[in-house]
Amino acid sequence: MKKVVGLLGLVGLGFGAQAWRRRRTGTHSPINAVSLGQRRLQMGGLVARRAADRGFTKARSRLSSDETRRRLQADLERREAEDVVGALGEMKGALMKLGQMASYLDEGMPEPMRQALATLRSDAPPMPSDLALTEIERSLGRPLHELFAEIDAEPIAAASIGQVHRAMTLDGREVAVKVQYPGIAQAIAADLDNTERLAMLLGMVYPGLNPDELVEELRERINEELDYENEAANQKLFADYYAGHPHVWVPAVHTDLSSINVLTTEFVPGRPFEAVYEADLVERERVAEVLYRFVFRSLNRQYVFNGDPHPGNYLLADDGRVAFLDFGLVKHFAEEEVDQFAVLIRAMIDRDTALFRAAAEKQEVLRPGAPFDDQAIFDWFAAYYELILDDEPVTVTTDYSVGLLYKTFDAKTHEILRHTNVPPTFALIQRINLGLFSILGQLGATANWRAISEELWVWTDAPPSTPLGEEEAAWAATKVVS
């Protein structure tokens, strides 16, 4: 029997390979700090413009025909999308990050806004090239010609916090150099001081969604992403663990060419992850299994979770592997914390409603005394375990995505949500539901996810269930021997 579920489509910034060959060795003018007052004025102006435009459109619509009202609404959505995304792209920092996060929630979003936000994934306006190269020199403490044989002045990717330049080391190795925007910490501080306006902005992007959780998520994660030394340590941990893996490539870190706001890593020749959506089903399912194995092997065997699972952090390497990028937000678990997840999983797959409720309360996922019976509690949480409930193939589609989204955020509709909690241990794990599984839905992937999981769970440690599993098992055996 094949069951079908779907999850939210999640999208992000893609780091694609682009042509380059520009040698830079000169010096450049310093970068000015971001004007906090100007950012507040921009944000205030945006909110005021959108409110006025909405009011004017509403007034015109009252006396208009149905056809005219539809046209006025469509024009309003187009103007709103252009205005919001234009402001986000120019301001960088937390505001732009919020726009990128909102673009993940594409189901149910007005089409003009969805299309406009998509431009933030790959077309974020970069800082001027001379200023970027100056910042690399300043942060690494040496002129460019003492650091690199070549470096492309034009970035191959620009995001909310930094941008990436392709370069070649003095000993001839291709590298990716990620440089943080100077002044970005001050800009983010200004953004996060205006949480009400941040929430209002997200409300424009996604009408009807309570934005408080996303704003808080933004606040919690942004500071970690600003520390490239922390990211370098995280990436090295993953790169060392997955060295020699047949399907996973975590680029090695060049610590001698990195600092607190410059991160230099091995360059990955490849294509943006989005290209896989145009591949045949066999390739889509292969990539889906690689992603699934990476996330759950890392969690169950390495006790770490890369908390930003979305397509912009993946590349389709030319050698067939999937490359994993961006380790700015990594959660490190103690073994006993991972065991907490196992207790809930085992109760769920055993259909033990009383045990599940007791475990959920003990682990503070569910508040004690919630006015629902055990079966109702079990049924509500079961959606998050849909892929592994039964030992059979499951096809992941996008049909389930809107329901899962609102189950996570909409307490008005889902009463049980009012009695749930997300303790620190579980906070980032929720991103699996809105990240990894959503990609599987876009890929339309079918697999026996339960059988694959049993290979990765420590308490089952099952033999390989797929050809990829056999290759991974052979790799794992060499790690144990070495």
Protein backbone atom coordinates (compact mmCIF):
# COMPACT_ATOMS: atom_id res chain seq x y z
CA MET A 1 0.00 0.00 0.00
CA LYS A 2 1.27 3.47 -0.85
CA LYS A 3 0.18 6.35 1.37
CA VAL A 4 0.32 9.94 0.18
CA VAL A 5 1.08 12.97 2.32
CA GLY A 6 2.34 16.44 1.48
CA LEU A 7 4.28 19.17 3.19
CA LEU A 8 4.92 22.86 2.84
CA GLY A 9 7.11 23.99 -0.07
CA LEU A 10 10.23 25.63 1.34
CA VAL A 11 12.50 27.75 -0.79
CA GLY A 12 15.63 29.75 -0.20
CA LEU A 13 18.75 31.33 -1.57
CA GLY A 14 20.69 29.19 -4.08
CA PHE A 15 24.47 29.38 -4.47
CA GLY A 16 25.00 28.48 -8.13
CA ALA A 17 28.32 28.32 -9.92
CA GLN A 18 28.99 31.27 -12.27
CA ALA A 19 31.79 32.24 -14.65
CA TRP A 20 34.65 34.33 -13.25
CA ARG A 21 38.24 35.30 -13.90
CA ARG A 22 38.90 38.76 -12.51
CA ARG A 23 42.11 39.30 -10.57
CA ARG A 24 41.94 41.96 -7.87
CA THR A 25 44.92 43.16 -5.82
CA GLY A 26 44.28 46.84 -5.19
CA THR A 27 42.98 48.73 -2.19
CA HIS A 28 39.53 50.19 -1.77
CA SER A 29 37.68 52.73 0.29
CA PRO A 30 36.23 51.71 3.67
CA ILE A 31 32.60 50.69 4.09
CA ASN A 32 30.30 53.04 5.95
CA ALA A 33 28.12 51.70 8.75
CA VAL A 34 24.41 51.28 8.06
CA SER A 35 22.29 54.26 9.09
CA LEU A 36 19.87 53.01 11.73
CA GLY A 37 17.74 56.12 11.50
CA GLN A 38 17.40 55.70 7.76
CA ARG A 39 16.31 52.09 8.18
CA ARG A 40 13.60 53.14 10.62
CA LEU A 41 12.41 55.81 8.22
CA GLN A 42 12.33 53.30 5.35
CA MET A 43 10.33 50.84 7.41
CA GLY A 44 7.94 53.50 8.65
CA GLY A 45 7.46 54.83 5.13
CA LEU A 46 6.75 51.35 3.80
CA VAL A 47 4.08 50.68 6.43
CA ALA A 48 2.47 54.08 5.83
CA ARG A 49 2.46 53.68 2.03
CA ARG A 50 0.88 50.25 2.20
CA ALA A 51 -1.82 51.38 4.64
CA ALA A 52 -2.72 54.36 2.46
CA ASP A 53 -2.77 52.27 -0.72
CA ARG A 54 -5.01 49.67 0.89
CA GLY A 55 -7.38 52.33 2.17
CA PHE A 56 -7.61 54.02 -1.23
CA THR A 57 -8.24 50.71 -3.02
CA LYS A 58 -10.92 49.73 -0.52
CA ALA A 59 -12.71 53.05 -1.02
CA ARG A 60 -12.67 52.69 -4.81
CA SER A 61 -13.91 49.11 -4.61
CA ARG A 62 -17.10 50.01 -2.74
CA LEU A 63 -18.74 51.53 -5.82
CA SER A 64 -17.17 49.24 -8.41
CA SER A 65 -18.45 46.23 -10.29
CA ASP A 66 -17.24 42.74 -9.39
CA GLU A 67 -14.85 42.68 -12.35
CA THR A 68 -13.42 46.08 -11.44
CA ARG A 69 -13.00 45.05 -7.80
CA ARG A 70 -11.03 41.99 -8.88
CA ARG A 71 -8.80 44.14 -11.07
CA LEU A 72 -8.26 46.67 -8.29
CA GLN A 73 -7.35 43.89 -5.86
CA ALA A 74 -4.92 42.33 -8.32
CA ASP A 75 -3.29 45.72 -8.94
CA LEU A 76 -3.02 46.30 -5.18
CA GLU A 77 -1.34 42.92 -4.64
CA ARG A 78 1.15 43.65 -7.42
CA ARG A 79 2.03 47.11 -6.03
CA GLU A 80 2.29 45.73 -2.50
CA ALA A 81 4.60 42.95 -3.59
CA GLU A 82 6.88 45.28 -5.50
CA ASP A 83 7.01 47.80 -2.65
CA VAL A 84 7.62 45.29 0.14
CA VAL A 85 10.22 43.25 -1.69
CA GLY A 86 12.00 46.32 -3.02
CA ALA A 87 12.37 47.70 0.49
CA LEU A 88 13.50 44.36 1.92
CA GLY A 89 16.11 43.84 -0.76
CA GLU A 90 17.68 47.22 -0.16
CA MET A 91 17.66 47.12 3.64
CA LYS A 92 19.42 43.75 4.09
CA GLY A 93 19.70 42.26 7.57
CA ALA A 94 16.80 40.94 9.59
CA LEU A 95 14.17 42.54 7.39
CA MET A 96 15.42 40.81 4.29
CA LYS A 97 15.84 37.57 6.23
CA LEU A 98 12.21 37.89 7.27
CA GLY A 99 11.24 38.25 3.63
CA GLN A 100 13.19 35.14 2.73
CA MET A 101 11.59 33.21 5.58
CA ALA A 102 8.16 34.37 4.46
CA SER A 103 8.92 33.17 0.95
CA TYR A 104 9.13 29.65 2.39
CA LEU A 105 5.42 29.88 3.24
CA ASP A 106 4.33 29.93 -0.36
CA GLU A 107 1.12 27.96 -0.04
CA GLY A 108 -1.85 30.30 0.10
CA MET A 109 0.19 33.46 -0.40
CA PRO A 110 -1.06 35.98 -3.00
CA GLU A 111 0.66 35.06 -6.25
CA PRO A 112 2.28 38.48 -6.91
CA MET A 113 3.80 38.46 -3.44
CA ARG A 114 5.02 34.89 -3.80
CA GLN A 115 6.72 35.67 -7.11
CA ALA A 116 8.24 38.89 -5.82
CA LEU A 117 9.60 37.31 -2.64
CA ALA A 118 11.17 34.57 -4.74
CA THR A 119 13.57 37.17 -6.13
CA LEU A 120 15.10 37.55 -2.67
CA ARG A 121 16.39 34.00 -2.90
CA SER A 122 18.84 34.60 -5.71
CA ASP A 123 18.68 38.22 -6.78
CA ALA A 124 19.40 40.03 -3.52
CA PRO A 125 21.22 43.28 -4.40
CA PRO A 126 24.91 42.79 -3.46
CA MET A 127 27.13 45.41 -1.89
CA PRO A 128 29.49 47.16 -4.33
CA SER A 129 32.33 44.89 -5.40
CA ASP A 130 35.14 47.20 -4.31
CA LEU A 131 33.64 47.51 -0.86
CA ALA A 132 33.22 43.75 -0.52
CA LEU A 133 36.83 43.10 -1.44
CA THR A 134 37.99 45.81 0.94
CA GLU A 135 36.07 44.11 3.75
CA ILE A 136 37.78 40.79 2.98
CA GLU A 137 41.17 42.47 3.18
CA ARG A 138 40.31 44.30 6.37
CA SER A 139 38.91 41.24 8.13
CA LEU A 140 41.75 38.91 7.15
CA GLY A 141 44.38 41.56 7.83
CA ARG A 142 46.32 41.30 4.58
CA PRO A 143 46.09 42.62 1.00
CA LEU A 144 44.16 40.44 -1.42
CA HIS A 145 47.23 39.53 -3.45
CA GLU A 146 48.75 37.97 -0.33
CA LEU A 147 45.62 35.94 0.26
CA PHE A 148 44.40 34.78 -3.16
CA ALA A 149 45.82 34.23 -6.62
CA GLU A 150 42.50 35.34 -8.08
CA ILE A 151 39.18 36.54 -6.75
CA ASP A 152 36.08 37.49 -8.67
CA ALA A 153 34.95 41.01 -7.88
CA GLU A 154 31.35 40.07 -8.72
CA PRO A 155 29.60 37.82 -6.17
CA ILE A 156 28.13 34.50 -7.17
CA ALA A 157 25.45 34.86 -4.49
CA ALA A 158 24.08 37.65 -2.30
CA ALA A 159 21.92 37.02 0.75
CA SER A 160 20.57 38.90 3.74
CA ILE A 161 23.73 38.86 5.85
CA GLY A 162 26.58 38.41 3.40
CA GLN A 163 27.62 37.53 -0.12
CA VAL A 164 29.87 34.92 -1.73
CA HIS A 165 32.81 35.44 -4.10
CA ARG A 166 34.63 32.76 -6.03
CA ALA A 167 38.41 32.77 -5.67
CA MET A 168 41.57 30.73 -6.06
CA THR A 169 44.14 30.25 -3.32
CA LEU A 170 47.82 30.89 -3.81
CA ASP A 171 48.39 27.13 -4.13
CA GLY A 172 45.73 26.78 -6.84
CA ARG A 173 42.62 25.54 -4.99
CA GLU A 174 39.20 26.93 -5.88
CA VAL A 175 37.34 28.36 -2.92
CA ALA A 176 34.14 30.20 -2.03
CA VAL A 177 34.67 33.33 0.10
CA LYS A 178 31.64 34.47 2.09
CA VAL A 179 31.97 38.02 3.41
CA GLN A 180 29.58 39.61 5.85
CA TYR A 181 28.11 43.01 5.11
CA PRO A 182 29.85 45.60 7.30
CA GLY A 183 27.43 47.27 9.67
CA ILE A 184 24.98 44.39 9.41
CA ALA A 185 25.00 43.77 13.17
CA GLN A 186 23.83 47.35 13.80
CA ALA A 187 21.21 47.04 11.08
CA ILE A 188 19.85 43.84 12.58
CA ALA A 189 19.77 45.37 16.05
CA ALA A 190 17.61 48.17 14.64
CA ASP A 191 15.30 45.72 12.93
CA LEU A 192 14.84 43.58 16.01
CA ASP A 193 14.05 46.64 18.12
CA ASN A 194 10.97 47.10 15.91
CA THR A 195 9.23 43.76 16.41
CA GLU A 196 5.76 45.26 15.99
CA ARG A 197 6.67 46.59 12.57
CA LEU A 198 8.33 43.30 11.69
CA ALA A 199 5.11 41.48 12.58
CA MET A 200 3.07 44.03 10.58
CA LEU A 201 5.30 43.50 7.57
CA LEU A 202 4.88 39.73 7.71
CA GLY A 203 1.14 40.28 8.03
CA MET A 204 1.26 42.14 4.69
CA VAL A 205 3.11 39.26 3.10
CA TYR A 206 0.94 36.47 4.52
CA PRO A 207 -2.54 37.73 5.49
CA GLY A 208 -4.20 35.84 8.33
CA LEU A 209 -1.05 34.22 9.72
CA ASN A 210 -0.02 35.09 13.26
CA PRO A 211 3.57 36.22 12.68
CA ASP A 212 4.78 36.25 16.29
CA GLU A 213 6.45 32.83 16.11
CA LEU A 214 8.36 33.71 12.95
CA VAL A 215 9.53 37.02 14.38
CA GLU A 216 10.75 35.27 17.52
CA GLU A 217 12.46 32.62 15.38
CA LEU A 218 14.24 35.41 13.54
CA ARG A 219 15.40 37.02 16.77
CA GLU A 220 16.77 33.76 18.17
CA ARG A 221 18.71 32.60 15.16
CA ILE A 222 20.14 35.79 13.70
CA ASN A 223 22.95 36.36 16.19
CA GLU A 224 24.38 32.88 15.64
CA GLU A 225 24.45 33.47 11.90
CA LEU A 226 26.52 36.63 12.35
CA ASP A 227 29.44 34.69 13.85
CA TYR A 228 31.36 33.11 10.98
CA GLU A 229 33.90 31.60 13.38
CA ASN A 230 31.05 29.66 14.96
CA GLU A 231 29.86 28.64 11.51
CA ALA A 232 33.36 27.53 10.53
CA ALA A 233 33.58 25.28 13.59
CA ASN A 234 30.16 23.78 12.84
CA GLN A 235 30.98 23.18 9.18
CA LYS A 236 34.31 21.55 10.04
CA LEU A 237 32.49 19.18 12.38
CA PHE A 238 30.17 18.07 9.58
CA ALA A 239 32.92 18.01 6.94
CA ASP A 240 35.14 15.76 9.07
CA TYR A 241 32.28 13.39 9.85
CA TYR A 242 31.08 13.06 6.24
CA ALA A 243 34.52 12.89 4.63
CA GLY A 244 34.48 10.27 1.88
CA HIS A 245 30.69 9.86 1.93
CA PRO A 246 29.38 8.57 -1.43
CA HIS A 247 26.42 10.97 -1.59
CA VAL A 248 27.05 13.85 0.83
CA TRP A 249 29.59 16.65 0.34
CA VAL A 250 30.22 19.18 3.09
CA PRO A 251 32.87 21.62 1.78
CA ALA A 252 36.06 21.76 3.83
CA VAL A 253 36.84 25.00 5.68
CA HIS A 254 40.01 27.01 5.04
CA THR A 255 40.54 28.31 8.55
CA ASP A 256 43.63 30.30 7.52
CA LEU A 257 41.43 32.35 5.19
CA SER A 258 38.52 32.79 7.59
CA SER A 259 37.64 35.15 10.43
CA ILE A 260 34.63 36.30 12.42
CA ASN A 261 33.04 37.84 9.30
CA VAL A 262 34.82 36.06 6.43
CA LEU A 263 34.36 32.34 5.79
CA THR A 264 36.39 30.59 3.09
CA THR A 265 35.48 27.04 2.10
CA GLU A 266 36.11 24.50 -0.60
CA PHE A 267 34.34 25.48 -3.83
CA VAL A 268 31.64 23.12 -5.10
CA PRO A 269 31.19 22.98 -8.88
CA GLY A 270 27.55 22.33 -9.46
CA ARG A 271 24.03 23.54 -10.15
CA PRO A 272 21.44 25.23 -7.96
CA PHE A 273 19.32 22.73 -6.11
CA GLU A 274 16.16 23.91 -7.85
CA ALA A 275 17.41 22.19 -11.03
CA VAL A 276 16.46 18.83 -9.55
CA TYR A 277 12.78 19.74 -9.77
CA GLU A 278 13.10 19.40 -13.56
CA ALA A 279 14.83 16.00 -13.35
CA ASP A 280 13.11 12.65 -13.82
CA LEU A 281 11.45 10.90 -10.92
CA VAL A 282 14.32 8.48 -10.35
CA GLU A 283 16.78 11.35 -9.82
CA ARG A 284 14.35 13.33 -7.68
CA GLU A 285 13.82 10.37 -5.39
CA ARG A 286 17.57 9.70 -5.17
CA VAL A 287 18.22 13.28 -4.08
CA ALA A 288 15.29 13.17 -1.64
CA GLU A 289 16.74 10.07 0.02
CA VAL A 290 20.17 11.72 0.30
CA LEU A 291 18.62 14.73 2.05
CA TYR A 292 16.63 12.54 4.40
CA ARG A 293 19.63 10.41 5.30
CA PHE A 294 21.82 13.48 5.89
CA VAL A 295 19.38 15.11 8.30
CA PHE A 296 18.53 12.02 10.32
CA ARG A 297 21.99 10.45 10.34
CA SER A 298 23.40 13.75 11.62
CA LEU A 299 20.73 13.91 14.32
CA ASN A 300 20.74 10.27 15.43
CA ARG A 301 24.40 9.34 15.00
CA GLN A 302 26.28 12.63 15.25
CA TYR A 303 23.86 14.37 17.65
CA VAL A 304 23.81 17.58 15.64
CA PHE A 305 21.17 19.21 13.47
CA ASN A 306 21.75 21.84 10.81
CA GLY A 307 18.83 24.09 11.66
CA ASP A 308 18.34 25.72 8.26
CA PRO A 309 17.21 22.94 5.90
CA HIS A 310 16.10 24.55 2.66
CA PRO A 311 17.08 24.41 -1.01
CA GLY A 312 19.26 27.51 -0.91
CA ASN A 313 21.65 25.63 1.35
CA TYR A 314 22.06 22.71 -1.04
CA LEU A 315 23.88 22.30 -4.36
CA LEU A 316 23.77 19.52 -6.93
CA ALA A 317 27.48 18.83 -7.28
CA ASP A 318 28.83 17.89 -10.70
CA ASP A 319 30.07 14.54 -9.34
CA GLY A 320 26.53 13.50 -8.37
CA ARG A 321 26.74 14.21 -4.66
CA VAL A 322 24.53 16.71 -2.86
CA ALA A 323 26.57 19.50 -1.28
CA PHE A 324 25.36 21.02 1.98
CA LEU A 325 26.17 24.68 2.65
CA ASP A 326 25.57 27.21 5.42
CA PHE A 327 26.13 25.91 8.96
CA GLY A 328 25.44 29.17 10.77
CA LEU A 329 22.66 27.63 12.83
CA VAL A 330 23.56 24.20 14.20
CA LYS A 331 22.03 22.63 17.29
CA HIS A 332 24.26 20.32 19.31
CA PHE A 333 22.44 17.69 21.37
CA ALA A 334 23.41 15.53 24.28
CA GLU A 335 22.73 11.83 23.76
CA GLU A 336 19.95 11.89 26.34
CA GLU A 337 18.21 14.70 24.45
CA VAL A 338 18.10 12.62 21.29
CA ASP A 339 16.74 9.80 23.41
CA GLN A 340 13.78 12.07 24.26
CA PHE A 341 12.86 12.18 20.58
CA ALA A 342 13.13 8.38 20.46
CA VAL A 343 10.62 7.90 23.28
CA LEU A 344 8.01 9.94 21.41
CA ILE A 345 8.72 8.17 18.11
CA ARG A 346 8.44 4.71 19.64
CA ALA A 347 5.17 5.57 21.38
CA MET A 348 3.83 6.97 18.13
CA ILE A 349 4.69 4.00 15.92
CA ASP A 350 3.39 1.60 18.61
CA ARG A 351 0.12 3.57 18.69
CA ASP A 352 0.46 3.79 22.47
CA THR A 353 -1.67 6.86 23.10
CA ALA A 354 -1.24 6.91 26.88
CA LEU A 355 2.55 6.55 26.68
CA PHE A 356 2.76 9.22 24.02
CA ARG A 357 0.80 11.68 26.12
CA ALA A 358 2.83 10.94 29.23
CA ALA A 359 6.10 11.37 27.32
CA ALA A 360 4.92 14.58 25.69
CA GLU A 361 4.00 16.03 29.09
CA LYS A 362 7.26 14.88 30.71
CA GLN A 363 9.27 16.48 27.92
CA GLU A 364 7.15 19.65 28.15
CA VAL A 365 5.90 19.39 24.59
CA LEU A 366 2.36 19.20 25.97
CA ARG A 367 1.21 21.07 29.03
CA PRO A 368 -0.16 18.77 31.78
CA GLY A 369 -3.92 18.64 32.14
CA ALA A 370 -4.83 19.64 28.58
CA PRO A 371 -8.63 19.14 28.27
CA PHE A 372 -8.44 16.46 25.56
CA ASP A 373 -8.38 12.68 25.76
CA ASP A 374 -5.29 10.66 24.91
CA GLN A 375 -6.53 9.70 21.45
CA ALA A 376 -7.19 13.32 20.47
CA ILE A 377 -3.72 14.32 21.61
CA PHE A 378 -2.20 11.39 19.74
CA ASP A 379 -4.13 12.16 16.54
CA TRP A 380 -3.12 15.81 16.62
CA PHE A 381 0.60 15.04 16.92
CA ALA A 382 0.46 12.13 14.45
CA ALA A 383 0.61 14.48 11.47
CA TYR A 384 4.23 15.27 12.30
CA TYR A 385 5.12 11.55 12.19
CA GLU A 386 3.15 10.69 9.06
CA LEU A 387 6.13 9.50 7.03
CA ILE A 388 7.23 6.87 9.55
CA LEU A 389 4.00 5.61 11.11
CA ASP A 390 3.91 2.50 8.93
CA ASP A 391 6.52 0.24 7.36
CA GLU A 392 5.46 0.94 3.78
CA PRO A 393 6.18 3.35 0.93
CA VAL A 394 4.85 6.88 1.36
CA THR A 395 4.67 9.49 -1.37
CA VAL A 396 5.19 13.02 -0.10
CA THR A 397 3.11 15.63 -1.95
CA THR A 398 2.23 19.26 -1.35
CA ASP A 399 -1.44 18.54 -0.56
CA TYR A 400 -0.78 18.34 3.15
CA SER A 401 1.32 21.49 3.33
CA VAL A 402 -1.28 24.11 4.21
CA GLY A 403 -2.77 21.95 6.93
CA LEU A 404 0.61 21.33 8.53
CA LEU A 405 1.47 25.02 8.34
CA TYR A 406 -1.69 26.08 10.15
CA LYS A 407 -1.40 23.19 12.58
CA THR A 408 1.95 24.70 13.56
CA PHE A 409 0.92 28.36 13.72
CA ASP A 410 -2.85 28.80 13.89
CA ALA A 411 -4.09 28.36 17.47
CA LYS A 412 -7.50 29.78 16.54
CA THR A 413 -8.30 26.73 14.43
CA HIS A 414 -6.28 24.09 16.26
CA GLU A 415 -7.31 24.24 19.91
CA ILE A 416 -4.74 21.68 21.04
CA LEU A 417 -2.00 24.02 19.84
CA ARG A 418 -2.89 26.34 22.73
CA HIS A 419 -1.79 23.61 25.13
CA THR A 420 1.46 22.66 23.38
CA ASN A 421 4.91 24.00 24.01
CA VAL A 422 8.24 24.08 22.18
CA PRO A 423 11.01 23.59 24.76
CA PRO A 424 14.55 24.57 23.76
CA THR A 425 15.51 21.00 22.89
CA PHE A 426 12.71 20.82 20.33
CA ALA A 427 12.78 24.36 18.93
CA LEU A 428 14.98 23.78 15.89
CA ILE A 429 13.70 20.28 15.22
CA GLN A 430 10.38 21.85 14.17
CA ARG A 431 12.21 23.19 11.13
CA ILE A 432 12.32 19.64 9.78
CA ASN A 433 8.56 19.84 9.35
CA LEU A 434 8.70 23.17 7.53
CA GLY A 435 12.00 22.47 5.78
CA LEU A 436 13.20 19.02 4.86
CA PHE A 437 9.77 17.40 4.49
CA SER A 438 8.55 20.28 2.35
CA ILE A 439 11.36 19.69 -0.13
CA LEU A 440 10.39 16.02 -0.31
CA GLY A 441 6.90 17.20 -1.19
CA GLN A 442 8.17 19.36 -4.03
CA LEU A 443 10.21 16.43 -5.28
CA GLY A 444 7.16 14.15 -5.15
CA ALA A 445 9.38 11.54 -3.55
CA THR A 446 8.23 8.04 -2.66
CA ALA A 447 10.19 5.84 -0.26
CA ASN A 448 9.78 3.60 2.72
CA TRP A 449 10.89 6.37 5.09
CA ARG A 450 10.23 4.11 8.08
CA ALA A 451 12.70 1.50 6.83
CA ILE A 452 15.33 4.16 6.10
CA SER A 453 14.79 5.65 9.55
CA GLU A 454 15.28 2.27 11.19
CA GLU A 455 18.73 2.14 9.59
CA LEU A 456 19.58 5.45 11.27
CA TRP A 457 17.88 5.09 14.65
CA VAL A 458 20.36 3.80 17.20
CA TRP A 459 17.80 1.63 18.97
CA THR A 460 16.91 -0.26 15.76
CA ASP A 461 20.16 -0.10 13.74
CA ALA A 462 18.53 -2.01 10.90
CA PRO A 463 20.42 -3.27 7.82
CA PRO A 464 20.30 -1.26 4.56
CA SER A 465 16.89 -1.09 2.92
CA THR A 466 17.90 0.65 -0.34
CA PRO A 467 20.90 0.72 -2.71
CA LEU A 468 21.90 4.12 -1.30
CA GLY A 469 21.67 2.60 2.15
CA GLU A 470 24.06 -0.17 1.14
CA GLU A 471 26.59 2.35 -0.13
CA GLU A 472 26.24 4.43 3.01
CA ALA A 473 26.68 1.33 5.19
CA ALA A 474 29.91 0.49 3.37
CA TRP A 475 31.17 4.04 4.02
CA ALA A 476 30.16 3.87 7.67
CA ALA A 477 32.03 0.58 8.06
CA THR A 478 35.26 2.21 6.90
CA LYS A 479 34.77 4.98 9.48
CA VAL A 480 34.41 2.43 12.26
CA VAL A 481 37.50 0.52 11.13
CA SER A 482 39.59 3.68 10.81
